Amino acid sequence: MTTPAIQSALQQMQSLASQAGQRPETVTQPGAAEQPGSFGGELAASLQRINDLQQTAASQAEAFQRGDSNLALNDVMVDMQKAGVAFEMGLQVRNRMVSAYRDVMNMQV
C-alpha cells in the first residue's frame, strides 16, 4: 500500500499497453496531455487520487506518532482505511483490465 506498490501496478499496465500497441506514455505519465474524459486520462487521474490518499494517510500516521496534538487517532485510522480501500479498488480494476485484455487476445478471428 505504498508508492512502490502503485509504481508496480503502473509498470504492469505499461507493459500491457505496449503489448497492445499503444504508447505507454499516455497511460503512465500524469503530466502527459490527456483529453478530459479519455480512458487514459481518467485512469491516470484515478491512480493519482489513490497515490494522494496513500501519501496523506502515511503523513498523518507519522505526525500522530510524533505526537501532533491536532490529530485524533480515529481520524488517522479512518484515513488509513480509506487509502487501503482505494488501493484495493485500484488493484481489482487492474486485475479486471488484465483479465479483459487476455480474453480479447485469446479470441479467435
PDB file of N, CA and C in Angstrom:
ATOM      1  N   MET A   1       0.814  -1.192   0.000  1.00  0.00           N
ATOM      2  CA  MET A   1       0.000   0.000   0.000  1.00  0.00           C
ATOM      3  C   MET A   1       0.857   1.255   0.000  1.00  0.00           C
ATOM      4  N   THR A   2       1.986   1.145  -0.627  1.00  0.00           N
ATOM      5  CA  THR A   2       2.884   2.279  -0.672  1.00  0.00           C
ATOM      6  C   THR A   2       3.083   2.699  -2.118  1.00  0.00           C
ATOM      7  N   THR A   3       3.852   3.725  -2.277  1.00  0.00           N
ATOM      8  CA  THR A   3       4.137   4.217  -3.613  1.00  0.00           C
ATOM      9  C   THR A   3       4.811   3.154  -4.478  1.00  0.00           C
ATOM     10  N   PRO A   4       5.741   2.335  -3.957  1.00  0.00           N
ATOM     11  CA  PRO A   4       6.315   1.279  -4.808  1.00  0.00           C
ATOM     12  C   PRO A   4       5.259   0.290  -5.315  1.00  0.00           C
ATOM     13  N   ALA A   5       4.257   0.003  -4.518  1.00  0.00           N
ATOM     14  CA  ALA A   5       3.202  -0.911  -4.963  1.00  0.00           C
ATOM     15  C   ALA A   5       2.405  -0.293  -6.104  1.00  0.00           C
ATOM     16  N   ILE A   6       2.136   0.994  -6.009  1.00  0.00           N
ATOM     17  CA  ILE A   6       1.418   1.682  -7.081  1.00  0.00           C
ATOM     18  C   ILE A   6       2.300   1.736  -8.325  1.00  0.00           C
ATOM     19  N   GLN A   7       3.593   1.986  -8.140  1.00  0.00           N
ATOM     20  CA  GLN A   7       4.509   2.019  -9.277  1.00  0.00           C
ATOM     21  C   GLN A   7       4.567   0.647  -9.956  1.00  0.00           C
ATOM     22  N   SER A   8       4.492  -0.410  -9.175  1.00  0.00           N
ATOM     23  CA  SER A   8       4.490  -1.753  -9.741  1.00  0.00           C
ATOM     24  C   SER A   8       3.249  -1.969 -10.600  1.00  0.00           C
ATOM     25  N   ALA A   9       2.106  -1.519 -10.102  1.00  0.00           N
ATOM     26  CA  ALA A   9       0.875  -1.631 -10.876  1.00  0.00           C
ATOM     27  C   ALA A   9       0.968  -0.815 -12.156  1.00  0.00           C
ATOM     28  N   LEU A  10       1.554   0.362 -12.080  1.00  0.00           N
ATOM     29  CA  LEU A  10       1.725   1.197 -13.266  1.00  0.00           C
ATOM     30  C   LEU A  10       2.632   0.517 -14.287  1.00  0.00           C
ATOM     31  N   GLN A  11       3.694  -0.122 -13.824  1.00  0.00           N
ATOM     32  CA  GLN A  11       4.604  -0.806 -14.737  1.00  0.00           C
ATOM     33  C   GLN A  11       3.916  -1.978 -15.425  1.00  0.00           C
ATOM     34  N   GLN A  12       3.065  -2.682 -14.699  1.00  0.00           N
ATOM     35  CA  GLN A  12       2.334  -3.785 -15.319  1.00  0.00           C
ATOM     36  C   GLN A  12       1.377  -3.267 -16.377  1.00  0.00           C
ATOM     37  N   MET A  13       0.696  -2.155 -16.079  1.00  0.00           N
ATOM     38  CA  MET A  13      -0.211  -1.573 -17.065  1.00  0.00           C
ATOM     39  C   MET A  13       0.567  -1.068 -18.272  1.00  0.00           C
ATOM     40  N   GLN A  14       1.745  -0.533 -18.047  1.00  0.00           N
ATOM     41  CA  GLN A  14       2.581  -0.043 -19.138  1.00  0.00           C
ATOM     42  C   GLN A  14       2.985  -1.191 -20.060  1.00  0.00           C
ATOM     43  N   SER A  15       3.359  -2.320 -19.477  1.00  0.00           N
ATOM     44  CA  SER A  15       3.758  -3.453 -20.312  1.00  0.00           C
ATOM     45  C   SER A  15       2.568  -3.985 -21.105  1.00  0.00           C
ATOM     46  N   LEU A  16       1.389  -4.005 -20.498  1.00  0.00           N
ATOM     47  CA  LEU A  16       0.199  -4.442 -21.232  1.00  0.00           C
ATOM     48  C   LEU A  16      -0.139  -3.472 -22.353  1.00  0.00           C
ATOM     49  N   ALA A  17       0.015  -2.183 -22.090  1.00  0.00           N
ATOM     50  CA  ALA A  17      -0.277  -1.188 -23.114  1.00  0.00           C
ATOM     51  C   ALA A  17       0.696  -1.301 -24.279  1.00  0.00           C
ATOM     52  N   SER A  18       1.968  -1.568 -23.988  1.00  0.00           N
ATOM     53  CA  SER A  18       2.937  -1.706 -25.072  1.00  0.00           C
ATOM     54  C   SER A  18       2.660  -2.965 -25.882  1.00  0.00           C
ATOM     55  N   GLN A  19       2.176  -4.015 -25.242  1.00  0.00           N
ATOM     56  CA  GLN A  19       1.821  -5.229 -25.968  1.00  0.00           C
ATOM     57  C   GLN A  19       0.619  -4.994 -26.873  1.00  0.00           C
ATOM     58  N   ALA A  20      -0.263  -4.113 -26.455  1.00  0.00           N
ATOM     59  CA  ALA A  20      -1.455  -3.821 -27.249  1.00  0.00           C
ATOM     60  C   ALA A  20      -1.162  -2.823 -28.360  1.00  0.00           C
ATOM     61  N   GLY A  21       0.056  -2.306 -28.428  1.00  0.00           N
ATOM     62  CA  GLY A  21       0.419  -1.391 -29.488  1.00  0.00           C
ATOM     63  C   GLY A  21       0.145   0.066 -29.168  1.00  0.00           C
ATOM     64  N   GLN A  22      -0.200   0.364 -27.919  1.00  0.00           N
ATOM     65  CA  GLN A  22      -0.432   1.736 -27.505  1.00  0.00           C
ATOM     66  C   GLN A  22       0.874   2.343 -27.059  1.00  0.00           C
ATOM     67  N   ARG A  23       0.879   3.653 -27.002  1.00  0.00           N
ATOM     68  CA  ARG A  23       2.035   4.336 -26.425  1.00  0.00           C
ATOM     69  C   ARG A  23       1.893   4.278 -24.913  1.00  0.00           C
ATOM     70  N   PRO A  24       2.825   3.682 -24.180  1.00  0.00           N
ATOM     71  CA  PRO A  24       2.701   3.579 -22.738  1.00  0.00           C
ATOM     72  C   PRO A  24       2.741   4.921 -22.030  1.00  0.00           C
ATOM     73  N   GLU A  25       3.320   5.943 -22.662  1.00  0.00           N
ATOM     74  CA  GLU A  25       3.409   7.242 -22.002  1.00  0.00           C
ATOM     75  C   GLU A  25       2.028   7.810 -21.705  1.00  0.00           C
ATOM     76  N   THR A  26       1.037   7.495 -22.551  1.00  0.00           N
ATOM     77  CA  THR A  26      -0.287   8.067 -22.340  1.00  0.00           C
ATOM     78  C   THR A  26      -0.962   7.497 -21.109  1.00  0.00           C
ATOM     79  N   VAL A  27      -0.550   6.312 -20.679  1.00  0.00           N
ATOM     80  CA  VAL A  27      -1.192   5.686 -19.537  1.00  0.00           C
ATOM     81  C   VAL A  27      -0.488   6.040 -18.235  1.00  0.00           C
ATOM     82  N   THR A  28       0.827   6.110 -18.255  1.00  0.00           N
ATOM     83  CA  THR A  28       1.551   6.167 -17.003  1.00  0.00           C
ATOM     84  C   THR A  28       2.042   7.542 -16.599  1.00  0.00           C
ATOM     85  N   GLN A  29       2.123   8.475 -17.496  1.00  0.00           N
ATOM     86  CA  GLN A  29       2.689   9.766 -17.136  1.00  0.00           C
ATOM     87  C   GLN A  29       1.591  10.731 -16.744  1.00  0.00           C
ATOM     88  N   PRO A  30       1.524  11.122 -15.461  1.00  0.00           N
ATOM     89  CA  PRO A  30       0.472  12.021 -15.031  1.00  0.00           C
ATOM     90  C   PRO A  30       0.580  13.402 -15.663  1.00  0.00           C
ATOM     91  N   GLY A  31       1.750  13.802 -16.123  1.00  0.00           N
ATOM     92  CA  GLY A  31       1.911  15.110 -16.730  1.00  0.00           C
ATOM     93  C   GLY A  31       1.591  15.120 -18.212  1.00  0.00           C
ATOM     94  N   ALA A  32       1.285  13.960 -18.786  1.00  0.00           N
ATOM     95  CA  ALA A  32       1.016  13.893 -20.215  1.00  0.00           C
ATOM     96  C   ALA A  32      -0.280  14.621 -20.544  1.00  0.00           C
ATOM     97  N   ALA A  33      -0.316  15.194 -21.722  1.00  0.00           N
ATOM     98  CA  ALA A  33      -1.506  15.942 -22.150  1.00  0.00           C
ATOM     99  C   ALA A  33      -2.589  14.950 -22.542  1.00  0.00           C
ATOM    100  N   GLU A  34      -3.561  14.769 -21.692  1.00  0.00           N
ATOM    101  CA  GLU A  34      -4.671  13.864 -21.939  1.00  0.00           C
ATOM    102  C   GLU A  34      -5.925  14.682 -22.168  1.00  0.00           C
ATOM    103  N   GLN A  35      -6.764  14.178 -23.027  1.00  0.00           N
ATOM    104  CA  GLN A  35      -8.031  14.842 -23.240  1.00  0.00           C
ATOM    105  C   GLN A  35      -8.943  14.525 -22.066  1.00  0.00           C
ATOM    106  N   PRO A  36      -9.687  15.518 -21.587  1.00  0.00           N
ATOM    107  CA  PRO A  36     -10.602  15.252 -20.472  1.00  0.00           C
ATOM    108  C   PRO A  36     -11.618  14.187 -20.861  1.00  0.00           C
ATOM    109  N   GLY A  37     -11.795  13.222 -19.997  1.00  0.00           N
ATOM    110  CA  GLY A  37     -12.755  12.160 -20.238  1.00  0.00           C
ATOM    111  C   GLY A  37     -12.194  10.982 -21.004  1.00  0.00           C
ATOM    112  N   SER A  38     -10.952  11.053 -21.473  1.00  0.00           N
ATOM    113  CA  SER A  38     -10.378   9.916 -22.174  1.00  0.00           C
ATOM    114  C   SER A  38     -10.055   8.819 -21.158  1.00  0.00           C
ATOM    115  N   PHE A  39      -9.972   7.607 -21.644  1.00  0.00           N
ATOM    116  CA  PHE A  39      -9.710   6.484 -20.750  1.00  0.00           C
ATOM    117  C   PHE A  39      -8.370   6.634 -20.052  1.00  0.00           C
ATOM    118  N   GLY A  40      -7.348   6.974 -20.823  1.00  0.00           N
ATOM    119  CA  GLY A  40      -6.014   7.141 -20.239  1.00  0.00           C
ATOM    120  C   GLY A  40      -5.978   8.259 -19.224  1.00  0.00           C
ATOM    121  N   GLY A  41      -6.676   9.350 -19.520  1.00  0.00           N
ATOM    122  CA  GLY A  41      -6.716  10.479 -18.593  1.00  0.00           C
ATOM    123  C   GLY A  41      -7.419  10.132 -17.296  1.00  0.00           C
ATOM    124  N   GLU A  42      -8.535   9.424 -17.420  1.00  0.00           N
ATOM    125  CA  GLU A  42      -9.279   9.019 -16.222  1.00  0.00           C
ATOM    126  C   GLU A  42      -8.501   8.006 -15.403  1.00  0.00           C
ATOM    127  N   LEU A  43      -7.812   7.109 -16.073  1.00  0.00           N
ATOM    128  CA  LEU A  43      -7.005   6.116 -15.369  1.00  0.00           C
ATOM    129  C   LEU A  43      -5.866   6.795 -14.614  1.00  0.00           C
ATOM    130  N   ALA A  44      -5.192   7.713 -15.280  1.00  0.00           N
ATOM    131  CA  ALA A  44      -4.099   8.435 -14.627  1.00  0.00           C
ATOM    132  C   ALA A  44      -4.610   9.267 -13.450  1.00  0.00           C
ATOM    133  N   ALA A  45      -5.760   9.893 -13.608  1.00  0.00           N
ATOM    134  CA  ALA A  45      -6.340  10.693 -12.518  1.00  0.00           C
ATOM    135  C   ALA A  45      -6.720   9.802 -11.339  1.00  0.00           C
ATOM    136  N   SER A  46      -7.261   8.632 -11.615  1.00  0.00           N
ATOM    137  CA  SER A  46      -7.633   7.706 -10.538  1.00  0.00           C
ATOM    138  C   SER A  46      -6.403   7.224  -9.785  1.00  0.00           C
ATOM    139  N   LEU A  47      -5.359   6.891 -10.519  1.00  0.00           N
ATOM    140  CA  LEU A  47      -4.129   6.449  -9.864  1.00  0.00           C
ATOM    141  C   LEU A  47      -3.507   7.571  -9.046  1.00  0.00           C
ATOM    142  N   GLN A  48      -3.616   8.783  -9.539  1.00  0.00           N
ATOM    143  CA  GLN A  48      -3.090   9.923  -8.784  1.00  0.00           C
ATOM    144  C   GLN A  48      -3.883  10.134  -7.491  1.00  0.00           C
ATOM    145  N   ARG A  49      -5.221   9.979  -7.555  1.00  0.00           N
ATOM    146  CA  ARG A  49      -6.034  10.112  -6.334  1.00  0.00           C
ATOM    147  C   ARG A  49      -5.683   9.026  -5.328  1.00  0.00           C
ATOM    148  N   ILE A  50      -5.472   7.804  -5.798  1.00  0.00           N
ATOM    149  CA  ILE A  50      -5.080   6.711  -4.899  1.00  0.00           C
ATOM    150  C   ILE A  50      -3.737   7.029  -4.258  1.00  0.00           C
ATOM    151  N   ASN A  51      -2.807   7.511  -5.049  1.00  0.00           N
ATOM    152  CA  ASN A  51      -1.488   7.869  -4.529  1.00  0.00           C
ATOM    153  C   ASN A  51      -1.598   8.997  -3.502  1.00  0.00           C
ATOM    154  N   ASP A  52      -2.429   9.993  -3.778  1.00  0.00           N
ATOM    155  CA  ASP A  52      -2.615  11.096  -2.828  1.00  0.00           C
ATOM    156  C   ASP A  52      -3.191  10.603  -1.503  1.00  0.00           C
ATOM    157  N   LEU A  53      -4.161   9.688  -1.571  1.00  0.00           N
ATOM    158  CA  LEU A  53      -4.730   9.127  -0.339  1.00  0.00           C
ATOM    159  C   LEU A  53      -3.666   8.366   0.454  1.00  0.00           C
ATOM    160  N   GLN A  54      -2.841   7.608  -0.244  1.00  0.00           N
ATOM    161  CA  GLN A  54      -1.780   6.851   0.415  1.00  0.00           C
ATOM    162  C   GLN A  54      -0.789   7.789   1.105  1.00  0.00           C
ATOM    163  N   GLN A  55      -0.380   8.823   0.406  1.00  0.00           N
ATOM    164  CA  GLN A  55       0.586   9.759   0.975  1.00  0.00           C
ATOM    165  C   GLN A  55       0.005  10.538   2.143  1.00  0.00           C
ATOM    166  N   THR A  56      -1.255  10.939   2.042  1.00  0.00           N
ATOM    167  CA  THR A  56      -1.903  11.663   3.133  1.00  0.00           C
ATOM    168  C   THR A  56      -2.003  10.787   4.373  1.00  0.00           C
ATOM    169  N   ALA A  57      -2.420   9.541   4.185  1.00  0.00           N
ATOM    170  CA  ALA A  57      -2.543   8.627   5.322  1.00  0.00           C
ATOM    171  C   ALA A  57      -1.184   8.382   5.974  1.00  0.00           C
ATOM    172  N   ALA A  58      -0.158   8.217   5.160  1.00  0.00           N
ATOM    173  CA  ALA A  58       1.175   7.972   5.713  1.00  0.00           C
ATOM    174  C   ALA A  58       1.684   9.187   6.477  1.00  0.00           C
ATOM    175  N   SER A  59       1.477  10.371   5.933  1.00  0.00           N
ATOM    176  CA  SER A  59       1.959  11.573   6.625  1.00  0.00           C
ATOM    177  C   SER A  59       1.178  11.817   7.916  1.00  0.00           C
ATOM    178  N   GLN A  60      -0.121  11.526   7.919  1.00  0.00           N
ATOM    179  CA  GLN A  60      -0.900  11.675   9.152  1.00  0.00           C
ATOM    180  C   GLN A  60      -0.458  10.669  10.210  1.00  0.00           C
ATOM    181  N   ALA A  61      -0.172   9.457   9.783  1.00  0.00           N
ATOM    182  CA  ALA A  61       0.287   8.441  10.740  1.00  0.00           C
ATOM    183  C   ALA A  61       1.621   8.859  11.355  1.00  0.00           C
ATOM    184  N   GLU A  62       2.518   9.370  10.526  1.00  0.00           N
ATOM    185  CA  GLU A  62       3.808   9.829  11.045  1.00  0.00           C
ATOM    186  C   GLU A  62       3.634  11.009  11.999  1.00  0.00           C
ATOM    187  N   ALA A  63       2.753  11.937  11.642  1.00  0.00           N
ATOM    188  CA  ALA A  63       2.515  13.090  12.506  1.00  0.00           C
ATOM    189  C   ALA A  63       1.911  12.647  13.840  1.00  0.00           C
ATOM    190  N   PHE A  64       1.008  11.680  13.801  1.00  0.00           N
ATOM    191  CA  PHE A  64       0.403  11.178  15.039  1.00  0.00           C
ATOM    192  C   PHE A  64       1.461  10.495  15.902  1.00  0.00           C
ATOM    193  N   GLN A  65       2.350   9.749  15.281  1.00  0.00           N
ATOM    194  CA  GLN A  65       3.406   9.061  16.028  1.00  0.00           C
ATOM    195  C   GLN A  65       4.375  10.058  16.657  1.00  0.00           C
ATOM    196  N   ARG A  66       4.566  11.200  16.007  1.00  0.00           N
ATOM    197  CA  ARG A  66       5.431  12.236  16.571  1.00  0.00           C
ATOM    198  C   ARG A  66       4.752  12.977  17.722  1.00  0.00           C
ATOM    199  N   GLY A  67       3.441  12.801  17.861  1.00  0.00           N
ATOM    200  CA  GLY A  67       2.738  13.423  18.973  1.00  0.00           C
ATOM    201  C   GLY A  67       2.007  14.701  18.613  1.00  0.00           C
ATOM    202  N   ASP A  68       1.658  14.877  17.357  1.00  0.00           N
ATOM    203  CA  ASP A  68       0.906  16.058  16.929  1.00  0.00           C
ATOM    204  C   ASP A  68      -0.435  16.079  17.656  1.00  0.00           C
ATOM    205  N   SER A  69      -0.682  17.149  18.402  1.00  0.00           N
ATOM    206  CA  SER A  69      -1.903  17.231  19.210  1.00  0.00           C
ATOM    207  C   SER A  69      -3.135  17.591  18.378  1.00  0.00           C
ATOM    208  N   ASN A  70      -2.962  17.967  17.120  1.00  0.00           N
ATOM    209  CA  ASN A  70      -4.102  18.336  16.274  1.00  0.00           C
ATOM    210  C   ASN A  70      -4.748  17.130  15.597  1.00  0.00           C
ATOM    211  N   LEU A  71      -4.161  15.961  15.721  1.00  0.00           N
ATOM    212  CA  LEU A  71      -4.696  14.762  15.079  1.00  0.00           C
ATOM    213  C   LEU A  71      -5.270  13.810  16.115  1.00  0.00           C
ATOM    214  N   ALA A  72      -6.456  13.312  15.815  1.00  0.00           N
ATOM    215  CA  ALA A  72      -7.079  12.297  16.662  1.00  0.00           C
ATOM    216  C   ALA A  72      -6.813  10.927  16.039  1.00  0.00           C
ATOM    217  N   LEU A  73      -6.700   9.929  16.875  1.00  0.00           N
ATOM    218  CA  LEU A  73      -6.406   8.581  16.406  1.00  0.00           C
ATOM    219  C   LEU A  73      -7.470   8.093  15.432  1.00  0.00           C
ATOM    220  N   ASN A  74      -8.743   8.384  15.738  1.00  0.00           N
ATOM    221  CA  ASN A  74      -9.798   7.900  14.853  1.00  0.00           C
ATOM    222  C   ASN A  74      -9.704   8.523  13.462  1.00  0.00           C
ATOM    223  N   ASP A  75      -9.278   9.788  13.347  1.00  0.00           N
ATOM    224  CA  ASP A  75      -9.112  10.416  12.037  1.00  0.00           C
ATOM    225  C   ASP A  75      -7.990   9.753  11.252  1.00  0.00           C
ATOM    226  N   VAL A  76      -6.907   9.448  11.935  1.00  0.00           N
ATOM    227  CA  VAL A  76      -5.774   8.786  11.287  1.00  0.00           C
ATOM    228  C   VAL A  76      -6.191   7.401  10.799  1.00  0.00           C
ATOM    229  N   MET A  77      -6.901   6.661  11.635  1.00  0.00           N
ATOM    230  CA  MET A  77      -7.324   5.307  11.269  1.00  0.00           C
ATOM    231  C   MET A  77      -8.313   5.329  10.108  1.00  0.00           C
ATOM    232  N   VAL A  78      -9.237   6.282  10.108  1.00  0.00           N
ATOM    233  CA  VAL A  78     -10.202   6.379   9.010  1.00  0.00           C
ATOM    234  C   VAL A  78      -9.480   6.692   7.698  1.00  0.00           C
ATOM    235  N   ASP A  79      -8.527   7.610   7.729  1.00  0.00           N
ATOM    236  CA  ASP A  79      -7.786   7.942   6.514  1.00  0.00           C
ATOM    237  C   ASP A  79      -6.944   6.772   6.030  1.00  0.00           C
ATOM    238  N   MET A  80      -6.400   6.005   6.950  1.00  0.00           N
ATOM    239  CA  MET A  80      -5.634   4.829   6.550  1.00  0.00           C
ATOM    240  C   MET A  80      -6.545   3.776   5.917  1.00  0.00           C
ATOM    241  N   GLN A  81      -7.745   3.622   6.463  1.00  0.00           N
ATOM    242  CA  GLN A  81      -8.694   2.675   5.874  1.00  0.00           C
ATOM    243  C   GLN A  81      -9.153   3.136   4.495  1.00  0.00           C
ATOM    244  N   LYS A  82      -9.382   4.437   4.336  1.00  0.00           N
ATOM    245  CA  LYS A  82      -9.762   4.975   3.027  1.00  0.00           C
ATOM    246  C   LYS A  82      -8.672   4.685   2.002  1.00  0.00           C
ATOM    247  N   ALA A  83      -7.431   4.899   2.389  1.00  0.00           N
ATOM    248  CA  ALA A  83      -6.319   4.649   1.484  1.00  0.00           C
ATOM    249  C   ALA A  83      -6.223   3.161   1.138  1.00  0.00           C
ATOM    250  N   GLY A  84      -6.438   2.309   2.129  1.00  0.00           N
ATOM    251  CA  GLY A  84      -6.391   0.870   1.888  1.00  0.00           C
ATOM    252  C   GLY A  84      -7.497   0.398   0.960  1.00  0.00           C
ATOM    253  N   VAL A  85      -8.699   0.911   1.161  1.00  0.00           N
ATOM    254  CA  VAL A  85      -9.829   0.540   0.305  1.00  0.00           C
ATOM    255  C   VAL A  85      -9.602   1.051  -1.115  1.00  0.00           C
ATOM    256  N   ALA A  86      -9.091   2.272  -1.243  1.00  0.00           N
ATOM    257  CA  ALA A  86      -8.821   2.832  -2.570  1.00  0.00           C
ATOM    258  C   ALA A  86      -7.770   2.002  -3.300  1.00  0.00           C
ATOM    259  N   PHE A  87      -6.730   1.577  -2.583  1.00  0.00           N
ATOM    260  CA  PHE A  87      -5.695   0.762  -3.209  1.00  0.00           C
ATOM    261  C   PHE A  87      -6.260  -0.585  -3.653  1.00  0.00           C
ATOM    262  N   GLU A  88      -7.054  -1.214  -2.807  1.00  0.00           N
ATOM    263  CA  GLU A  88      -7.667  -2.494  -3.160  1.00  0.00           C
ATOM    264  C   GLU A  88      -8.576  -2.352  -4.373  1.00  0.00           C
ATOM    265  N   MET A  89      -9.318  -1.241  -4.438  1.00  0.00           N
ATOM    266  CA  MET A  89     -10.174  -0.990  -5.591  1.00  0.00           C
ATOM    267  C   MET A  89      -9.326  -0.844  -6.848  1.00  0.00           C
ATOM    268  N   GLY A  90      -8.239  -0.103  -6.765  1.00  0.00           N
ATOM    269  CA  GLY A  90      -7.351   0.053  -7.908  1.00  0.00           C
ATOM    270  C   GLY A  90      -6.751  -1.274  -8.346  1.00  0.00           C
ATOM    271  N   LEU A  91      -6.406  -2.098  -7.383  1.00  0.00           N
ATOM    272  CA  LEU A  91      -5.856  -3.412  -7.677  1.00  0.00           C
ATOM    273  C   LEU A  91      -6.882  -4.292  -8.384  1.00  0.00           C
ATOM    274  N   GLN A  92      -8.124  -4.256  -7.928  1.00  0.00           N
ATOM    275  CA  GLN A  92      -9.181  -5.047  -8.559  1.00  0.00           C
ATOM    276  C   GLN A  92      -9.485  -4.550  -9.969  1.00  0.00           C
ATOM    277  N   VAL A  93      -9.456  -3.242 -10.163  1.00  0.00           N
ATOM    278  CA  VAL A  93      -9.663  -2.689 -11.511  1.00  0.00           C
ATOM    279  C   VAL A  93      -8.545  -3.171 -12.427  1.00  0.00           C
ATOM    280  N   ARG A  94      -7.307  -3.115 -11.935  1.00  0.00           N
ATOM    281  CA  ARG A  94      -6.181  -3.600 -12.727  1.00  0.00           C
ATOM    282  C   ARG A  94      -6.350  -5.064 -13.077  1.00  0.00           C
ATOM    283  N   ASN A  95      -6.766  -5.876 -12.107  1.00  0.00           N
ATOM    284  CA  ASN A  95      -6.957  -7.299 -12.358  1.00  0.00           C
ATOM    285  C   ASN A  95      -8.030  -7.538 -13.414  1.00  0.00           C
ATOM    286  N   ARG A  96      -9.101  -6.760 -13.353  1.00  0.00           N
ATOM    287  CA  ARG A  96     -10.163  -6.894 -14.353  1.00  0.00           C
ATOM    288  C   ARG A  96      -9.678  -6.472 -15.733  1.00  0.00           C
ATOM    289  N   MET A  97      -8.881  -5.420 -15.785  1.00  0.00           N
ATOM    290  CA  MET A  97      -8.344  -4.973 -17.071  1.00  0.00           C
ATOM    291  C   MET A  97      -7.418  -6.033 -17.670  1.00  0.00           C
ATOM    292  N   VAL A  98      -6.591  -6.636 -16.853  1.00  0.00           N
ATOM    293  CA  VAL A  98      -5.691  -7.682 -17.330  1.00  0.00           C
ATOM    294  C   VAL A  98      -6.494  -8.873 -17.821  1.00  0.00           C
ATOM    295  N   SER A  99      -7.519  -9.246 -17.085  1.00  0.00           N
ATOM    296  CA  SER A  99      -8.372 -10.369 -17.480  1.00  0.00           C
ATOM    297  C   SER A  99      -9.075 -10.073 -18.804  1.00  0.00           C
ATOM    298  N   ALA A 100      -9.609  -8.868 -18.950  1.00  0.00           N
ATOM    299  CA  ALA A 100     -10.283  -8.497 -20.196  1.00  0.00           C
ATOM    300  C   ALA A 100      -9.296  -8.477 -21.354  1.00  0.00           C
ATOM    301  N   TYR A 101      -8.103  -7.971 -21.110  1.00  0.00           N
ATOM    302  CA  TYR A 101      -7.078  -7.942 -22.151  1.00  0.00           C
ATOM    303  C   TYR A 101      -6.740  -9.358 -22.604  1.00  0.00           C
ATOM    304  N   ARG A 102      -6.567 -10.249 -21.660  1.00  0.00           N
ATOM    305  CA  ARG A 102      -6.253 -11.646 -22.006  1.00  0.00           C
ATOM    306  C   ARG A 102      -7.388 -12.298 -22.766  1.00  0.00           C
ATOM    307  N   ASP A 103      -8.626 -12.005 -22.357  1.00  0.00           N
ATOM    308  CA  ASP A 103      -9.783 -12.561 -23.082  1.00  0.00           C
ATOM    309  C   ASP A 103      -9.808 -12.080 -24.518  1.00  0.00           C
ATOM    310  N   VAL A 104      -9.548 -10.803 -24.724  1.00  0.00           N
ATOM    311  CA  VAL A 104      -9.542 -10.252 -26.075  1.00  0.00           C
ATOM    312  C   VAL A 104      -8.422 -10.868 -26.895  1.00  0.00           C
ATOM    313  N   MET A 105      -7.245 -11.013 -26.301  1.00  0.00           N
ATOM    314  CA  MET A 105      -6.112 -11.573 -27.038  1.00  0.00           C
ATOM    315  C   MET A 105      -6.311 -13.057 -27.359  1.00  0.00           C
ATOM    316  N   ASN A 106      -7.127 -13.762 -26.583  1.00  0.00           N
ATOM    317  CA  ASN A 106      -7.376 -15.178 -26.836  1.00  0.00           C
ATOM    318  C   ASN A 106      -8.542 -15.423 -27.788  1.00  0.00           C
ATOM    319  N   MET A 107      -9.217 -14.365 -28.213  1.00  0.00           N
ATOM    320  CA  MET A 107     -10.326 -14.530 -29.151  1.00  0.00           C
ATOM    321  C   MET A 107      -9.786 -14.967 -30.512  1.00  0.00           C
ATOM    322  N   GLN A 108     -10.530 -15.865 -31.140  1.00  0.00           N
ATOM    323  CA  GLN A 108     -10.141 -16.309 -32.475  1.00  0.00           C
ATOM    324  C   GLN A 108     -10.830 -15.426 -33.495  1.00  0.00           C
ATOM    325  N   VAL A 109     -10.079 -15.078 -34.511  1.00  0.00           N
ATOM    326  CA  VAL A 109     -10.617 -14.189 -35.557  1.00  0.00           C
ATOM    327  C   VAL A 109     -11.231 -14.993 -36.661  1.00  0.00           C
TER     328      VAL A 109
END
